[in-house]
PDB file of N, CA and C in Angstrom:
ATOM      1  N   MET A   1     176.369  90.532  12.332  1.00  0.00           N
ATOM      2  CA  MET A   1     176.096  91.395  13.466  1.00  0.00           C
ATOM      3  C   MET A   1     174.852  90.926  14.226  1.00  0.00           C
ATOM      4  N   ASP A   2     173.855  90.455  13.493  1.00  0.00           N
ATOM      5  CA  ASP A   2     172.632  89.988  14.138  1.00  0.00           C
ATOM      6  C   ASP A   2     172.885  88.788  15.046  1.00  0.00           C
ATOM      7  N   LEU A   3     173.808  87.917  14.630  1.00  0.00           N
ATOM      8  CA  LEU A   3     174.114  86.743  15.452  1.00  0.00           C
ATOM      9  C   LEU A   3     174.752  87.145  16.771  1.00  0.00           C
ATOM     10  N   VAL A   4     175.573  88.160  16.745  1.00  0.00           N
ATOM     11  CA  VAL A   4     176.220  88.631  17.979  1.00  0.00           C
ATOM     12  C   VAL A   4     175.171  89.158  18.948  1.00  0.00           C
ATOM     13  N   ILE A   5     174.234  89.921  18.449  1.00  0.00           N
ATOM     14  CA  ILE A   5     173.158  90.473  19.292  1.00  0.00           C
ATOM     15  C   ILE A   5     172.297  89.341  19.836  1.00  0.00           C
ATOM     16  N   ARG A   6     171.971  88.386  18.964  1.00  0.00           N
ATOM     17  CA  ARG A   6     171.145  87.249  19.397  1.00  0.00           C
ATOM     18  C   ARG A   6     171.862  86.453  20.479  1.00  0.00           C
ATOM     19  N   ASP A   7     173.147  86.176  20.275  1.00  0.00           N
ATOM     20  CA  ASP A   7     173.921  85.428  21.272  1.00  0.00           C
ATOM     21  C   ASP A   7     173.991  86.169  22.600  1.00  0.00           C
ATOM     22  N   LYS A   8     174.154  87.473  22.549  1.00  0.00           N
ATOM     23  CA  LYS A   8     174.193  88.263  23.791  1.00  0.00           C
ATOM     24  C   LYS A   8     172.841  88.217  24.495  1.00  0.00           C
ATOM     25  N   ASN A   9     171.759  88.274  23.721  1.00  0.00           N
ATOM     26  CA  ASN A   9     170.421  88.183  24.312  1.00  0.00           C
ATOM     27  C   ASN A   9     170.198  86.817  24.952  1.00  0.00           C
ATOM     28  N   ILE A  10     170.659  85.774  24.288  1.00  0.00           N
ATOM     29  CA  ILE A  10     170.527  84.421  24.848  1.00  0.00           C
ATOM     30  C   ILE A  10     171.326  84.309  26.134  1.00  0.00           C
ATOM     31  N   GLU A  11     172.534  84.833  26.117  1.00  0.00           N
ATOM     32  CA  GLU A  11     173.374  84.788  27.311  1.00  0.00           C
ATOM     33  C   GLU A  11     172.727  85.559  28.456  1.00  0.00           C
ATOM     34  N   LEU A  12     172.156  86.708  28.157  1.00  0.00           N
ATOM     35  CA  LEU A  12     171.473  87.505  29.173  1.00  0.00           C
ATOM     36  C   LEU A  12     170.282  86.748  29.755  1.00  0.00           C
ATOM     37  N   LEU A  13     169.506  86.108  28.893  1.00  0.00           N
ATOM     38  CA  LEU A  13     168.359  85.330  29.371  1.00  0.00           C
ATOM     39  C   LEU A  13     168.808  84.162  30.240  1.00  0.00           C
ATOM     40  N   GLN A  14     169.888  83.509  29.870  1.00  0.00           N
ATOM     41  CA  GLN A  14     170.392  82.397  30.674  1.00  0.00           C
ATOM     42  C   GLN A  14     170.835  82.879  32.055  1.00  0.00           C
ATOM     43  N   LEU A  15     171.463  84.037  32.108  1.00  0.00           N
ATOM     44  CA  LEU A  15     171.870  84.596  33.396  1.00  0.00           C
ATOM     45  C   LEU A  15     170.652  84.939  34.247  1.00  0.00           C
ATOM     46  N   GLN A  16     169.623  85.483  33.615  1.00  0.00           N
ATOM     47  CA  GLN A  16     168.402  85.810  34.357  1.00  0.00           C
ATOM     48  C   GLN A  16     167.728  84.551  34.883  1.00  0.00           C
ATOM     49  N   ILE A  17     167.730  83.492  34.095  1.00  0.00           N
ATOM     50  CA  ILE A  17     167.144  82.223  34.537  1.00  0.00           C
ATOM     51  C   ILE A  17     167.926  81.680  35.731  1.00  0.00           C
ATOM     52  N   GLN A  18     169.248  81.737  35.671  1.00  0.00           N
ATOM     53  CA  GLN A  18     170.071  81.271  36.789  1.00  0.00           C
ATOM     54  C   GLN A  18     169.789  82.087  38.047  1.00  0.00           C
ATOM     55  N   ASP A  19     169.656  83.407  37.892  1.00  0.00           N
ATOM     56  CA  ASP A  19     169.359  84.263  39.042  1.00  0.00           C
ATOM     57  C   ASP A  19     168.021  83.890  39.661  1.00  0.00           C
ATOM     58  N   ARG A  20     167.033  83.638  38.830  1.00  0.00           N
ATOM     59  CA  ARG A  20     165.712  83.264  39.356  1.00  0.00           C
ATOM     60  C   ARG A  20     165.739  81.910  40.051  1.00  0.00           C
ATOM     61  N   LYS A  21     166.501  80.981  39.495  1.00  0.00           N
ATOM     62  CA  LYS A  21     166.628  79.674  40.145  1.00  0.00           C
ATOM     63  C   LYS A  21     167.261  79.822  41.518  1.00  0.00           C
ATOM     64  N   LYS A  22     168.305  80.640  41.600  1.00  0.00           N
ATOM     65  CA  LYS A  22     168.964  80.867  42.891  1.00  0.00           C
ATOM     66  C   LYS A  22     168.012  81.524  43.876  1.00  0.00           C
ATOM     67  N   LEU A  23     167.237  82.483  43.406  1.00  0.00           N
ATOM     68  CA  LEU A  23     166.268  83.162  44.265  1.00  0.00           C
ATOM     69  C   LEU A  23     165.231  82.175  44.789  1.00  0.00           C
ATOM     70  N   LEU A  24     164.716  81.316  43.918  1.00  0.00           N
ATOM     71  CA  LEU A  24     163.738  80.319  44.351  1.00  0.00           C
ATOM     72  C   LEU A  24     164.345  79.352  45.360  1.00  0.00           C
ATOM     73  N   LEU A  25     165.588  78.971  45.139  1.00  0.00           N
ATOM     74  CA  LEU A  25     166.242  78.067  46.073  1.00  0.00           C
ATOM     75  C   LEU A  25     166.414  78.725  47.440  1.00  0.00           C
ATOM     76  N   GLU A  26     166.793  79.997  47.449  1.00  0.00           N
ATOM     77  CA  GLU A  26     166.941  80.722  48.712  1.00  0.00           C
ATOM     78  C   GLU A  26     165.595  80.845  49.426  1.00  0.00           C
ATOM     79  N   LYS A  27     164.543  81.147  48.674  1.00  0.00           N
ATOM     80  CA  LYS A  27     163.210  81.245  49.283  1.00  0.00           C
ATOM     81  C   LYS A  27     162.773  79.896  49.841  1.00  0.00           C
ATOM     82  N   TYR A  28     163.092  78.842  49.111  1.00  0.00           N
ATOM     83  CA  TYR A  28     162.749  77.499  49.556  1.00  0.00           C
ATOM     84  C   TYR A  28     163.400  77.195  50.906  1.00  0.00           C
ATOM     85  N   LYS A  29     164.677  77.513  51.019  1.00  0.00           N
ATOM     86  CA  LYS A  29     165.396  77.268  52.273  1.00  0.00           C
ATOM     87  C   LYS A  29     164.821  78.115  53.408  1.00  0.00           C
ATOM     88  N   THR A  30     164.554  79.370  53.112  1.00  0.00           N
ATOM     89  CA  THR A  30     164.009  80.272  54.132  1.00  0.00           C
ATOM     90  C   THR A  30     162.650  79.786  54.610  1.00  0.00           C
ATOM     91  N   ILE A  31     161.810  79.404  53.674  1.00  0.00           N
ATOM     92  CA  ILE A  31     160.468  78.943  54.047  1.00  0.00           C
ATOM     93  C   ILE A  31     160.560  77.640  54.835  1.00  0.00           C
ATOM     94  N   ASN A  32     161.483  76.773  54.475  1.00  0.00           N
ATOM     95  CA  ASN A  32     161.648  75.536  55.246  1.00  0.00           C
ATOM     96  C   ASN A  32     162.024  75.826  56.692  1.00  0.00           C
ATOM     97  N   LYS A  33     162.920  76.786  56.885  1.00  0.00           N
ATOM     98  CA  LYS A  33     163.319  77.144  58.248  1.00  0.00           C
ATOM     99  C   LYS A  33     162.141  77.741  59.015  1.00  0.00           C
ATOM    100  N   ILE A  34     161.432  78.641  58.374  1.00  0.00           N
ATOM    101  CA  ILE A  34     160.295  79.296  59.035  1.00  0.00           C
ATOM    102  C   ILE A  34     159.164  78.300  59.269  1.00  0.00           C
ATOM    103  N   ALA A  35     158.984  77.370  58.335  1.00  0.00           N
ATOM    104  CA  ALA A  35     157.890  76.395  58.452  1.00  0.00           C
ATOM    105  C   ALA A  35     158.051  75.520  59.681  1.00  0.00           C
ATOM    106  N   GLN A  36     159.272  75.318  60.104  1.00  0.00           N
ATOM    107  CA  GLN A  36     159.494  74.529  61.306  1.00  0.00           C
ATOM    108  C   GLN A  36     158.957  75.258  62.537  1.00  0.00           C
ATOM    109  N   GLU A  37     158.927  76.573  62.470  1.00  0.00           N
ATOM    110  CA  GLU A  37     158.431  77.371  63.579  1.00  0.00           C
ATOM    111  C   GLU A  37     156.950  77.731  63.432  1.00  0.00           C
ATOM    112  N   ASN A  38     156.457  77.734  62.204  1.00  0.00           N
ATOM    113  CA  ASN A  38     155.088  78.150  61.936  1.00  0.00           C
ATOM    114  C   ASN A  38     154.396  77.060  61.126  1.00  0.00           C
ATOM    115  N   GLU A  39     153.454  76.387  61.739  1.00  0.00           N
ATOM    116  CA  GLU A  39     152.808  75.249  61.092  1.00  0.00           C
ATOM    117  C   GLU A  39     152.007  75.635  59.851  1.00  0.00           C
ATOM    118  N   PHE A  40     151.561  76.893  59.746  1.00  0.00           N
ATOM    119  CA  PHE A  40     150.764  77.318  58.601  1.00  0.00           C
ATOM    120  C   PHE A  40     151.607  77.438  57.327  1.00  0.00           C
ATOM    121  N   LEU A  41     152.890  77.590  57.480  1.00  0.00           N
ATOM    122  CA  LEU A  41     153.754  77.675  56.313  1.00  0.00           C
ATOM    123  C   LEU A  41     154.185  76.293  55.816  1.00  0.00           C
ATOM    124  N   GLY A  42     153.766  75.279  56.499  1.00  0.00           N
ATOM    125  CA  GLY A  42     154.100  73.910  56.087  1.00  0.00           C
ATOM    126  C   GLY A  42     153.616  73.599  54.684  1.00  0.00           C
ATOM    127  N   ASP A  43     152.414  74.041  54.344  1.00  0.00           N
ATOM    128  CA  ASP A  43     151.885  73.797  52.996  1.00  0.00           C
ATOM    129  C   ASP A  43     152.716  74.517  51.939  1.00  0.00           C
ATOM    130  N   VAL A  44     153.129  75.734  52.233  1.00  0.00           N
ATOM    131  CA  VAL A  44     153.960  76.483  51.292  1.00  0.00           C
ATOM    132  C   VAL A  44     155.298  75.776  51.107  1.00  0.00           C
ATOM    133  N   ALA A  45     155.875  75.319  52.200  1.00  0.00           N
ATOM    134  CA  ALA A  45     157.146  74.601  52.120  1.00  0.00           C
ATOM    135  C   ALA A  45     156.991  73.319  51.310  1.00  0.00           C
ATOM    136  N   ASN A  46     155.876  72.631  51.504  1.00  0.00           N
ATOM    137  CA  ASN A  46     155.619  71.411  50.734  1.00  0.00           C
ATOM    138  C   ASN A  46     155.478  71.713  49.246  1.00  0.00           C
ATOM    139  N   ASP A  47     154.846  72.839  48.919  1.00  0.00           N
ATOM    140  CA  ASP A  47     154.719  73.234  47.518  1.00  0.00           C
ATOM    141  C   ASP A  47     156.098  73.476  46.895  1.00  0.00           C
ATOM    142  N   TYR A  48     156.957  74.183  47.618  1.00  0.00           N
ATOM    143  CA  TYR A  48     158.311  74.418  47.123  1.00  0.00           C
ATOM    144  C   TYR A  48     159.057  73.096  46.950  1.00  0.00           C
ATOM    145  N   GLU A  49     158.892  72.207  47.906  1.00  0.00           N
ATOM    146  CA  GLU A  49     159.581  70.923  47.820  1.00  0.00           C
ATOM    147  C   GLU A  49     159.108  70.129  46.606  1.00  0.00           C
ATOM    148  N   ARG A  50     157.791  70.122  46.357  1.00  0.00           N
ATOM    149  CA  ARG A  50     157.269  69.433  45.179  1.00  0.00           C
ATOM    150  C   ARG A  50     157.819  70.064  43.904  1.00  0.00           C
ATOM    151  N   TYR A  51     157.924  71.382  43.893  1.00  0.00           N
ATOM    152  CA  TYR A  51     158.464  72.086  42.731  1.00  0.00           C
ATOM    153  C   TYR A  51     159.920  71.661  42.486  1.00  0.00           C
ATOM    154  N   TYR A  52     160.730  71.647  43.533  1.00  0.00           N
ATOM    155  CA  TYR A  52     162.124  71.268  43.365  1.00  0.00           C
ATOM    156  C   TYR A  52     162.271  69.807  42.978  1.00  0.00           C
ATOM    157  N   ASN A  53     161.439  68.945  43.521  1.00  0.00           N
ATOM    158  CA  ASN A  53     161.468  67.543  43.109  1.00  0.00           C
ATOM    159  C   ASN A  53     161.121  67.401  41.633  1.00  0.00           C
ATOM    160  N   TYR A  54     160.147  68.198  41.192  1.00  0.00           N
ATOM    161  CA  TYR A  54     159.755  68.187  39.786  1.00  0.00           C
ATOM    162  C   TYR A  54     160.914  68.664  38.911  1.00  0.00           C
ATOM    163  N   ILE A  55     161.579  69.736  39.307  1.00  0.00           N
ATOM    164  CA  ILE A  55     162.707  70.266  38.544  1.00  0.00           C
ATOM    165  C   ILE A  55     163.828  69.238  38.461  1.00  0.00           C
ATOM    166  N   VAL A  56     164.141  68.591  39.574  1.00  0.00           N
ATOM    167  CA  VAL A  56     165.196  67.576  39.580  1.00  0.00           C
ATOM    168  C   VAL A  56     164.818  66.435  38.641  1.00  0.00           C
ATOM    169  N   GLU A  57     163.587  66.011  38.687  1.00  0.00           N
ATOM    170  CA  GLU A  57     163.134  64.921  37.812  1.00  0.00           C
ATOM    171  C   GLU A  57     163.233  65.332  36.342  1.00  0.00           C
ATOM    172  N   GLN A  58     162.863  66.564  36.030  1.00  0.00           N
ATOM    173  CA  GLN A  58     162.977  67.071  34.656  1.00  0.00           C
ATOM    174  C   GLN A  58     164.429  67.032  34.197  1.00  0.00           C
ATOM    175  N   LYS A  59     165.325  67.440  35.054  1.00  0.00           N
ATOM    176  CA  LYS A  59     166.742  67.476  34.711  1.00  0.00           C
ATOM    177  C   LYS A  59     167.285  66.061  34.518  1.00  0.00           C
ATOM    178  N   LYS A  60     166.825  65.119  35.316  1.00  0.00           N
ATOM    179  CA  LYS A  60     167.243  63.730  35.135  1.00  0.00           C
ATOM    180  C   LYS A  60     166.750  63.190  33.793  1.00  0.00           C
ATOM    181  N   GLN A  61     165.546  63.582  33.411  1.00  0.00           N
ATOM    182  CA  GLN A  61     165.013  63.174  32.104  1.00  0.00           C
ATOM    183  C   GLN A  61     165.836  63.791  30.967  1.00  0.00           C
ATOM    184  N   GLN A  62     166.288  65.023  31.149  1.00  0.00           N
ATOM    185  CA  GLN A  62     167.146  65.655  30.148  1.00  0.00           C
ATOM    186  C   GLN A  62     168.439  64.875  29.992  1.00  0.00           C
ATOM    187  N   ILE A  63     169.019  64.459  31.114  1.00  0.00           N
ATOM    188  CA  ILE A  63     170.263  63.686  31.063  1.00  0.00           C
ATOM    189  C   ILE A  63     170.052  62.386  30.296  1.00  0.00           C
ATOM    190  N   ILE A  64     168.953  61.706  30.570  1.00  0.00           N
ATOM    191  CA  ILE A  64     168.659  60.449  29.866  1.00  0.00           C
ATOM    192  C   ILE A  64     168.530  60.698  28.362  1.00  0.00           C
ATOM    193  N   ALA A  65     167.837  61.761  27.990  1.00  0.00           N
ATOM    194  CA  ALA A  65     167.669  62.081  26.568  1.00  0.00           C
ATOM    195  C   ALA A  65     169.017  62.386  25.916  1.00  0.00           C
ATOM    196  N   TYR A  66     169.863  63.149  26.602  1.00  0.00           N
ATOM    197  CA  TYR A  66     171.188  63.448  26.069  1.00  0.00           C
ATOM    198  C   TYR A  66     172.046  62.188  25.950  1.00  0.00           C
ATOM    199  N   GLU A  67     171.953  61.307  26.930  1.00  0.00           N
ATOM    200  CA  GLU A  67     172.715  60.063  26.866  1.00  0.00           C
ATOM    201  C   GLU A  67     172.257  59.212  25.684  1.00  0.00           C
ATOM    202  N   ASN A  68     170.962  59.228  25.397  1.00  0.00           N
ATOM    203  CA  ASN A  68     170.445  58.514  24.224  1.00  0.00           C
ATOM    204  C   ASN A  68     171.006  59.106  22.935  1.00  0.00           C
ATOM    205  N   LEU A  69     171.119  60.425  22.894  1.00  0.00           N
ATOM    206  CA  LEU A  69     171.699  61.077  21.717  1.00  0.00           C
ATOM    207  C   LEU A  69     173.165  60.686  21.541  1.00  0.00           C
ATOM    208  N   ILE A  70     173.900  60.632  22.637  1.00  0.00           N
ATOM    209  CA  ILE A  70     175.310  60.234  22.558  1.00  0.00           C
ATOM    210  C   ILE A  70     175.431  58.805  22.036  1.00  0.00           C
ATOM    211  N   ALA A  71     174.586  57.922  22.539  1.00  0.00           N
ATOM    212  CA  ALA A  71     174.604  56.529  22.082  1.00  0.00           C
ATOM    213  C   ALA A  71     174.253  56.444  20.599  1.00  0.00           C
ATOM    214  N   TYR A  72     173.260  57.222  20.188  1.00  0.00           N
ATOM    215  CA  TYR A  72     172.863  57.231  18.781  1.00  0.00           C
ATOM    216  C   TYR A  72     174.020  57.702  17.903  1.00  0.00           C
ATOM    217  N   LEU A  73     174.675  58.778  18.301  1.00  0.00           N
ATOM    218  CA  LEU A  73     175.813  59.282  17.532  1.00  0.00           C
ATOM    219  C   LEU A  73     176.943  58.256  17.492  1.00  0.00           C
ATOM    220  N   GLY A  74     177.170  57.567  18.603  1.00  0.00           N
ATOM    221  CA  GLY A  74     178.188  56.522  18.639  1.00  0.00           C
ATOM    222  C   GLY A  74     177.880  55.399  17.663  1.00  0.00           C
ATOM    223  N   ASN A  75     176.625  54.967  17.648  1.00  0.00           N
ATOM    224  CA  ASN A  75     176.214  53.922  16.705  1.00  0.00           C
ATOM    225  C   ASN A  75     176.330  54.410  15.264  1.00  0.00           C
ATOM    226  N   LEU A  76     175.994  55.656  15.041  1.00  0.00           N
ATOM    227  CA  LEU A  76     176.087  56.241  13.710  1.00  0.00           C
ATOM    228  C   LEU A  76     177.532  56.229  13.225  1.00  0.00           C
ATOM    229  N   ILE A  77     178.442  56.594  14.107  1.00  0.00           N
ATOM    230  CA  ILE A  77     179.863  56.618  13.753  1.00  0.00           C
ATOM    231  C   ILE A  77     180.365  55.205  13.428  1.00  0.00           C
ATOM    232  N   LEU A  78     179.958  54.237  14.241  1.00  0.00           N
ATOM    233  CA  LEU A  78     180.473  52.871  14.082  1.00  0.00           C
ATOM    234  C   LEU A  78     179.815  52.097  12.946  1.00  0.00           C
ATOM    235  N   ASN A  79     178.539  52.335  12.699  1.00  0.00           N
ATOM    236  CA  ASN A  79     177.785  51.452  11.815  1.00  0.00           C
ATOM    237  C   ASN A  79     177.420  52.049  10.466  1.00  0.00           C
ATOM    238  N   THR A  80     177.861  53.233  10.161  1.00  0.00           N
ATOM    239  CA  THR A  80     177.556  53.813   8.858  1.00  0.00           C
ATOM    240  C   THR A  80     178.835  54.309   8.208  1.00  0.00           C
ATOM    241  N   ALA A  81     178.764  54.423   6.918  1.00  0.00           N
ATOM    242  CA  ALA A  81     179.922  54.906   6.159  1.00  0.00           C
ATOM    243  C   ALA A  81     179.853  56.425   6.087  1.00  0.00           C
ATOM    244  N   LEU A  82     180.501  57.054   7.029  1.00  0.00           N
ATOM    245  CA  LEU A  82     180.511  58.518   7.075  1.00  0.00           C
ATOM    246  C   LEU A  82     181.847  59.043   6.565  1.00  0.00           C
ATOM    247  N   THR A  83     181.814  60.262   6.087  1.00  0.00           N
ATOM    248  CA  THR A  83     183.068  60.911   5.697  1.00  0.00           C
ATOM    249  C   THR A  83     183.825  61.297   6.967  1.00  0.00           C
ATOM    250  N   ASN A  84     185.089  61.576   6.811  1.00  0.00           N
ATOM    251  CA  ASN A  84     185.904  61.977   7.964  1.00  0.00           C
ATOM    252  C   ASN A  84     185.353  63.231   8.623  1.00  0.00           C
ATOM    253  N   SER A  85     184.893  64.172   7.826  1.00  0.00           N
ATOM    254  CA  SER A  85     184.345  65.404   8.418  1.00  0.00           C
ATOM    255  C   SER A  85     183.039  65.123   9.153  1.00  0.00           C
ATOM    256  N   SER A  86     182.236  64.190   8.646  1.00  0.00           N
ATOM    257  CA  SER A  86     180.987  63.827   9.334  1.00  0.00           C
ATOM    258  C   SER A  86     181.280  63.126  10.661  1.00  0.00           C
ATOM    259  N   ILE A  87     182.286  62.282  10.646  1.00  0.00           N
ATOM    260  CA  ILE A  87     182.681  61.588  11.887  1.00  0.00           C
ATOM    261  C   ILE A  87     183.170  62.609  12.905  1.00  0.00           C
ATOM    262  N   GLU A  88     184.001  63.543  12.442  1.00  0.00           N
ATOM    263  CA  GLU A  88     184.518  64.584  13.332  1.00  0.00           C
ATOM    264  C   GLU A  88     183.379  65.431  13.883  1.00  0.00           C
ATOM    265  N   ASN A  89     182.414  65.754  13.040  1.00  0.00           N
ATOM    266  CA  ASN A  89     181.252  66.535  13.461  1.00  0.00           C
ATOM    267  C   ASN A  89     180.452  65.783  14.520  1.00  0.00           C
ATOM    268  N   ALA A  90     180.231  64.488  14.306  1.00  0.00           N
ATOM    269  CA  ALA A  90     179.483  63.678  15.271  1.00  0.00           C
ATOM    270  C   ALA A  90     180.223  63.605  16.610  1.00  0.00           C
ATOM    271  N   LYS A  91     181.558  63.470  16.556  1.00  0.00           N
ATOM    272  CA  LYS A  91     182.335  63.426  17.797  1.00  0.00           C
ATOM    273  C   LYS A  91     182.269  64.763  18.534  1.00  0.00           C
ATOM    274  N   ASN A  92     182.309  65.853  17.789  1.00  0.00           N
ATOM    275  CA  ASN A  92     182.175  67.178  18.413  1.00  0.00           C
ATOM    276  C   ASN A  92     180.806  67.345  19.061  1.00  0.00           C
ATOM    277  N   GLN A  93     179.771  66.840  18.391  1.00  0.00           N
ATOM    278  CA  GLN A  93     178.430  66.909  18.972  1.00  0.00           C
ATOM    279  C   GLN A  93     178.356  66.082  20.247  1.00  0.00           C
ATOM    280  N   GLN A  94     179.012  64.933  20.257  1.00  0.00           N
ATOM    281  CA  GLN A  94     179.040  64.125  21.474  1.00  0.00           C
ATOM    282  C   GLN A  94     179.702  64.886  22.619  1.00  0.00           C
ATOM    283  N   LYS A  95     180.785  65.580  22.324  1.00  0.00           N
ATOM    284  CA  LYS A  95     181.474  66.357  23.359  1.00  0.00           C
ATOM    285  C   LYS A  95     180.579  67.479  23.881  1.00  0.00           C
ATOM    286  N   GLU A  96     179.883  68.153  22.975  1.00  0.00           N
ATOM    287  CA  GLU A  96     178.972  69.227  23.390  1.00  0.00           C
ATOM    288  C   GLU A  96     177.869  68.677  24.281  1.00  0.00           C
ATOM    289  N   ILE A  97     177.347  67.531  23.919  1.00  0.00           N
ATOM    290  CA  ILE A  97     176.275  66.912  24.707  1.00  0.00           C
ATOM    291  C   ILE A  97     176.803  66.513  26.081  1.00  0.00           C
ATOM    292  N   LEU A  98     178.015  65.977  26.134  1.00  0.00           N
ATOM    293  CA  LEU A  98     178.613  65.635  27.427  1.00  0.00           C
ATOM    294  C   LEU A  98     178.771  66.867  28.305  1.00  0.00           C
ATOM    295  N   ASN A  99     179.155  67.981  27.704  1.00  0.00           N
ATOM    296  CA  ASN A  99     179.257  69.234  28.464  1.00  0.00           C
ATOM    297  C   ASN A  99     177.895  69.647  29.006  1.00  0.00           C
ATOM    298  N   LYS A 100     176.848  69.479  28.209  1.00  0.00           N
ATOM    299  CA  LYS A 100     175.496  69.815  28.663  1.00  0.00           C
ATOM    300  C   LYS A 100     175.073  68.905  29.806  1.00  0.00           C
ATOM    301  N   ILE A 101     175.408  67.624  29.701  1.00  0.00           N
ATOM    302  CA  ILE A 101     175.081  66.676  30.775  1.00  0.00           C
ATOM    303  C   ILE A 101     175.779  67.080  32.065  1.00  0.00           C
ATOM    304  N   ASN A 102     177.053  67.421  31.972  1.00  0.00           N
ATOM    305  CA  ASN A 102     177.789  67.841  33.168  1.00  0.00           C
ATOM    306  C   ASN A 102     177.190  69.103  33.770  1.00  0.00           C
ATOM    307  N   TYR A 103     176.758  70.035  32.930  1.00  0.00           N
ATOM    308  CA  TYR A 103     176.132  71.258  33.411  1.00  0.00           C
ATOM    309  C   TYR A 103     174.831  70.939  34.144  1.00  0.00           C
ATOM    310  N   ILE A 104     174.030  70.059  33.579  1.00  0.00           N
ATOM    311  CA  ILE A 104     172.755  69.685  34.210  1.00  0.00           C
ATOM    312  C   ILE A 104     173.014  68.976  35.538  1.00  0.00           C
ATOM    313  N   LYS A 105     174.031  68.131  35.590  1.00  0.00           N
ATOM    314  CA  LYS A 105     174.358  67.452  36.849  1.00  0.00           C
ATOM    315  C   LYS A 105     174.762  68.454  37.920  1.00  0.00           C
ATOM    316  N   ARG A 106     175.510  69.485  37.521  1.00  0.00           N
ATOM    317  CA  ARG A 106     175.872  70.531  38.492  1.00  0.00           C
ATOM    318  C   ARG A 106     174.623  71.258  38.974  1.00  0.00           C
ATOM    319  N   GLU A 107     173.676  71.514  38.069  1.00  0.00           N
ATOM    320  CA  GLU A 107     172.433  72.166  38.476  1.00  0.00           C
ATOM    321  C   GLU A 107     171.666  71.302  39.470  1.00  0.00           C
ATOM    322  N   ILE A 108     171.608  70.010  39.216  1.00  0.00           N
ATOM    323  CA  ILE A 108     170.923  69.105  40.140  1.00  0.00           C
ATOM    324  C   ILE A 108     171.594  69.134  41.507  1.00  0.00           C
ATOM    325  N   ASN A 109     172.916  69.107  41.519  1.00  0.00           N
ATOM    326  CA  ASN A 109     173.644  69.146  42.794  1.00  0.00           C
ATOM    327  C   ASN A 109     173.380  70.461  43.530  1.00  0.00           C
ATOM    328  N   GLU A 110     173.289  71.566  42.801  1.00  0.00           N
ATOM    329  CA  GLU A 110     172.979  72.845  43.442  1.00  0.00           C
ATOM    330  C   GLU A 110     171.601  72.816  44.094  1.00  0.00           C
ATOM    331  N   ILE A 111     170.654  72.195  43.413  1.00  0.00           N
ATOM    332  CA  ILE A 111     169.291  72.119  43.955  1.00  0.00           C
ATOM    333  C   ILE A 111     169.243  71.206  45.178  1.00  0.00           C
ATOM    334  N   ILE A 112     169.870  70.071  45.057  1.00  0.00           N
ATOM    335  CA  ILE A 112     169.758  69.060  46.123  1.00  0.00           C
ATOM    336  C   ILE A 112     170.605  69.401  47.336  1.00  0.00           C
ATOM    337  N   TYR A 113     171.830  69.843  47.123  1.00  0.00           N
ATOM    338  CA  TYR A 113     172.775  69.959  48.233  1.00  0.00           C
ATOM    339  C   TYR A 113     172.955  71.365  48.774  1.00  0.00           C
ATOM    340  N   LYS A 114     172.216  72.334  48.291  1.00  0.00           N
ATOM    341  CA  LYS A 114     172.352  73.681  48.846  1.00  0.00           C
ATOM    342  C   LYS A 114     171.275  73.957  49.839  1.00  0.00           C
TER     343      LYS A 114
END
């Protein structure tokens, strides 16, 4: 029962994080539009832009780290004597990591192209 509550709390936190990211992105766009009309908001717009560039860079670093994990698991499967269940487990982990990479790429696209 505790795991169900914990999972629901994690899911709720993830939804809240997504909502905040969307809110920041909307504010960023709004400030960029207003900054074109008001020179004093240029610094604020630049701050938002630096923040988004930082977030994109962080996400790219996450992708690189995940790709390294996939390569490591691949080498582990090929170069060590693993049991069938261990091989299956490693392949499942690779699939999970690929799903995470795809999710991060979608997040990057949302930041860059929205």
